[in-house]
C-alpha atoms as a PDB file:
ATOM      1  CA  MET A   1      67.976 156.948 126.941  1.00  0.00           C
ATOM      2  CA  HIS A   2      68.198 158.571 123.518  1.00  0.00           C
ATOM      3  CA  ALA A   3      71.106 160.823 122.650  1.00  0.00           C
ATOM      4  CA  PRO A   4      72.415 162.309 119.407  1.00  0.00           C
ATOM      5  CA  LEU A   5      75.508 160.760 117.830  1.00  0.00           C
ATOM      6  CA  HIS A   6      78.672 162.782 117.511  1.00  0.00           C
ATOM      7  CA  GLN A   7      79.099 163.915 113.872  1.00  0.00           C
ATOM      8  CA  ASP A   8      82.307 161.888 113.350  1.00  0.00           C
ATOM      9  CA  PHE A   9      80.663 158.725 114.625  1.00  0.00           C
ATOM     10  CA  SER A  10      77.507 159.390 112.633  1.00  0.00           C
ATOM     11  CA  SER A  11      79.675 159.551 109.490  1.00  0.00           C
ATOM     12  CA  GLU A  12      81.365 156.278 110.467  1.00  0.00           C
ATOM     13  CA  LEU A  13      77.974 154.626 110.911  1.00  0.00           C
ATOM     14  CA  ALA A  14      76.848 155.880 107.496  1.00  0.00           C
ATOM     15  CA  ARG A  15      80.048 154.508 105.904  1.00  0.00           C
ATOM     16  CA  THR A  16      79.594 151.113 107.563  1.00  0.00           C
ATOM     17  CA  TRP A  17      75.942 150.951 106.483  1.00  0.00           C
ATOM     18  CA  SER A  18      76.918 151.921 102.930  1.00  0.00           C
ATOM     19  CA  HIS A  19      79.428 149.044 102.752  1.00  0.00           C
ATOM     20  CA  ILE A  20      76.870 146.539 104.053  1.00  0.00           C
ATOM     21  CA  TYR A  21      74.168 147.838 101.711  1.00  0.00           C
ATOM     22  CA  ASP A  22      76.547 147.625  98.710  1.00  0.00           C
ATOM     23  CA  PHE A  23      77.348 144.048  99.754  1.00  0.00           C
ATOM     24  CA  ILE A  24      73.723 142.829  99.766  1.00  0.00           C
ATOM     25  CA  GLY A  25      72.131 145.175  97.244  1.00  0.00           C
ATOM     26  CA  SER A  26      68.869 145.707  99.085  1.00  0.00           C
ATOM     27  CA  ALA A  27      67.375 145.922 102.537  1.00  0.00           C
ATOM     28  CA  ASP A  28      64.073 147.162 103.827  1.00  0.00           C
ATOM     29  CA  ARG A  29      65.553 148.860 106.905  1.00  0.00           C
ATOM     30  CA  LEU A  30      68.304 148.736 109.511  1.00  0.00           C
ATOM     31  CA  PHE A  31      68.105 149.482 113.226  1.00  0.00           C
ATOM     32  CA  VAL A  32      71.234 150.225 115.222  1.00  0.00           C
ATOM     33  CA  VAL A  33      71.218 150.023 119.018  1.00  0.00           C
ATOM     34  CA  PHE A  34      74.105 151.288 121.153  1.00  0.00           C
ATOM     35  CA  ASP A  35      74.403 150.169 124.774  1.00  0.00           C
ATOM     36  CA  ASP A  36      76.938 150.758 127.522  1.00  0.00           C
ATOM     37  CA  ASP A  37      77.025 147.612 129.646  1.00  0.00           C
ATOM     38  CA  HIS A  38      79.444 147.769 132.603  1.00  0.00           C
ATOM     39  CA  GLN A  39      82.469 149.261 130.823  1.00  0.00           C
ATOM     40  CA  GLN A  40      81.690 147.204 127.702  1.00  0.00           C
ATOM     41  CA  LYS A  41      80.238 148.967 124.647  1.00  0.00           C
ATOM     42  CA  VAL A  42      77.647 146.967 122.732  1.00  0.00           C
ATOM     43  CA  VAL A  43      76.269 147.594 119.235  1.00  0.00           C
ATOM     44  CA  GLU A  44      73.389 145.583 117.813  1.00  0.00           C
ATOM     45  CA  LEU A  45      72.518 145.718 114.109  1.00  0.00           C
ATOM     46  CA  LYS A  46      69.120 144.434 113.048  1.00  0.00           C
ATOM     47  CA  MET A  47      68.454 144.332 109.310  1.00  0.00           C
ATOM     48  CA  TRP A  48      65.179 143.520 107.577  1.00  0.00           C
ATOM     49  CA  LEU A  49      65.721 141.930 104.169  1.00  0.00           C
ATOM     50  CA  PRO A  50      63.353 141.250 101.289  1.00  0.00           C
ATOM     51  CA  ARG A  51      61.278 138.069 101.488  1.00  0.00           C
ATOM     52  CA  GLY A  52      60.688 138.449 105.215  1.00  0.00           C
ATOM     53  CA  GLN A  53      64.163 137.693 106.549  1.00  0.00           C
ATOM     54  CA  THR A  54      65.735 139.436 109.508  1.00  0.00           C
ATOM     55  CA  CYS A  55      69.443 139.374 110.389  1.00  0.00           C
ATOM     56  CA  VAL A  56      70.721 140.370 113.830  1.00  0.00           C
ATOM     57  CA  ALA A  57      74.389 140.830 114.744  1.00  0.00           C
ATOM     58  CA  THR A  58      75.951 142.078 117.953  1.00  0.00           C
ATOM     59  CA  GLY A  59      79.442 143.381 118.624  1.00  0.00           C
ATOM     60  CA  GLU A  60      81.109 144.107 121.951  1.00  0.00           C
ATOM     61  CA  ALA A  61      84.317 146.049 122.584  1.00  0.00           C
ATOM     62  CA  ALA A  62      85.909 148.674 124.797  1.00  0.00           C
ATOM     63  CA  ASP A  63      84.665 151.438 122.449  1.00  0.00           C
ATOM     64  CA  PHE A  64      81.630 151.921 120.204  1.00  0.00           C
ATOM     65  CA  ARG A  65      83.622 152.172 116.964  1.00  0.00           C
ATOM     66  CA  SER A  66      85.209 148.735 117.509  1.00  0.00           C
ATOM     67  CA  ALA A  67      81.883 147.268 118.624  1.00  0.00           C
ATOM     68  CA  LEU A  68      80.256 148.607 115.436  1.00  0.00           C
ATOM     69  CA  ASP A  69      83.013 147.057 113.308  1.00  0.00           C
ATOM     70  CA  ARG A  70      82.555 143.679 115.022  1.00  0.00           C
ATOM     71  CA  ALA A  71      78.781 143.757 114.595  1.00  0.00           C
ATOM     72  CA  ALA A  72      79.153 144.742 110.927  1.00  0.00           C
ATOM     73  CA  ASP A  73      81.620 141.894 110.341  1.00  0.00           C
ATOM     74  CA  ARG A  74      79.183 139.407 111.895  1.00  0.00           C
ATOM     75  CA  LEU A  75      76.348 140.764 109.785  1.00  0.00           C
ATOM     76  CA  ARG A  76      78.464 140.414 106.626  1.00  0.00           C
ATOM     77  CA  VAL A  77      79.215 136.775 107.521  1.00  0.00           C
ATOM     78  CA  GLN A  78      75.494 136.044 107.889  1.00  0.00           C
ATOM     79  CA  LEU A  79      74.734 137.720 104.576  1.00  0.00           C
ATOM     80  CA  ALA A  80      77.605 135.932 102.804  1.00  0.00           C
ATOM     81  CA  LYS A  81      76.128 132.620 103.920  1.00  0.00           C
ATOM     82  CA  GLY A  82      72.937 133.574 102.139  1.00  0.00           C
ATOM     83  CA  GLY A  83      71.157 134.599 105.287  1.00  0.00           C
ATOM     84  CA  SER A  84      71.281 131.078 106.688  1.00  0.00           C
ATOM     85  CA  HIS A  85      71.190 132.608 110.176  1.00  0.00           C
ATOM     86  CA  ALA A  86      68.433 135.003 109.204  1.00  0.00           C
ATOM     87  CA  THR A  87      65.007 134.408 110.627  1.00  0.00           C
ATOM     88  CA  ARG A  88      61.814 134.629 108.640  1.00  0.00           C
ATOM     89  CA  ARG A  89      59.378 137.116 110.087  1.00  0.00           C
ATOM     90  CA  SER A  90      55.734 136.274 110.260  1.00  0.00           C
ATOM     91  CA  THR A  91      53.481 137.887 107.683  1.00  0.00           C
ATOM     92  CA  ALA A  92      50.294 136.779 109.438  1.00  0.00           C
ATOM     93  CA  THR A  93      48.301 139.425 111.276  1.00  0.00           C
END
């Protein structure tokens, strides 16, 4: 189900993305998925980086804001390690 984000939360998401983007300097794109799983809020961040790498981080919490913070922290850890947990996407068609 698709639904618009509340303006305050949309601003929070933009701020979080800005901090991550400043940290790495470049990214091809970022997908954010919000899910409500049995009273647990889940946020998944999937970032496509240059040179065919993809980073995925998930955060779970009682609310979406905390779940987003946890996912962003996990993504930052992956990026700080030089993308060692990133996967290379196939360029073959």
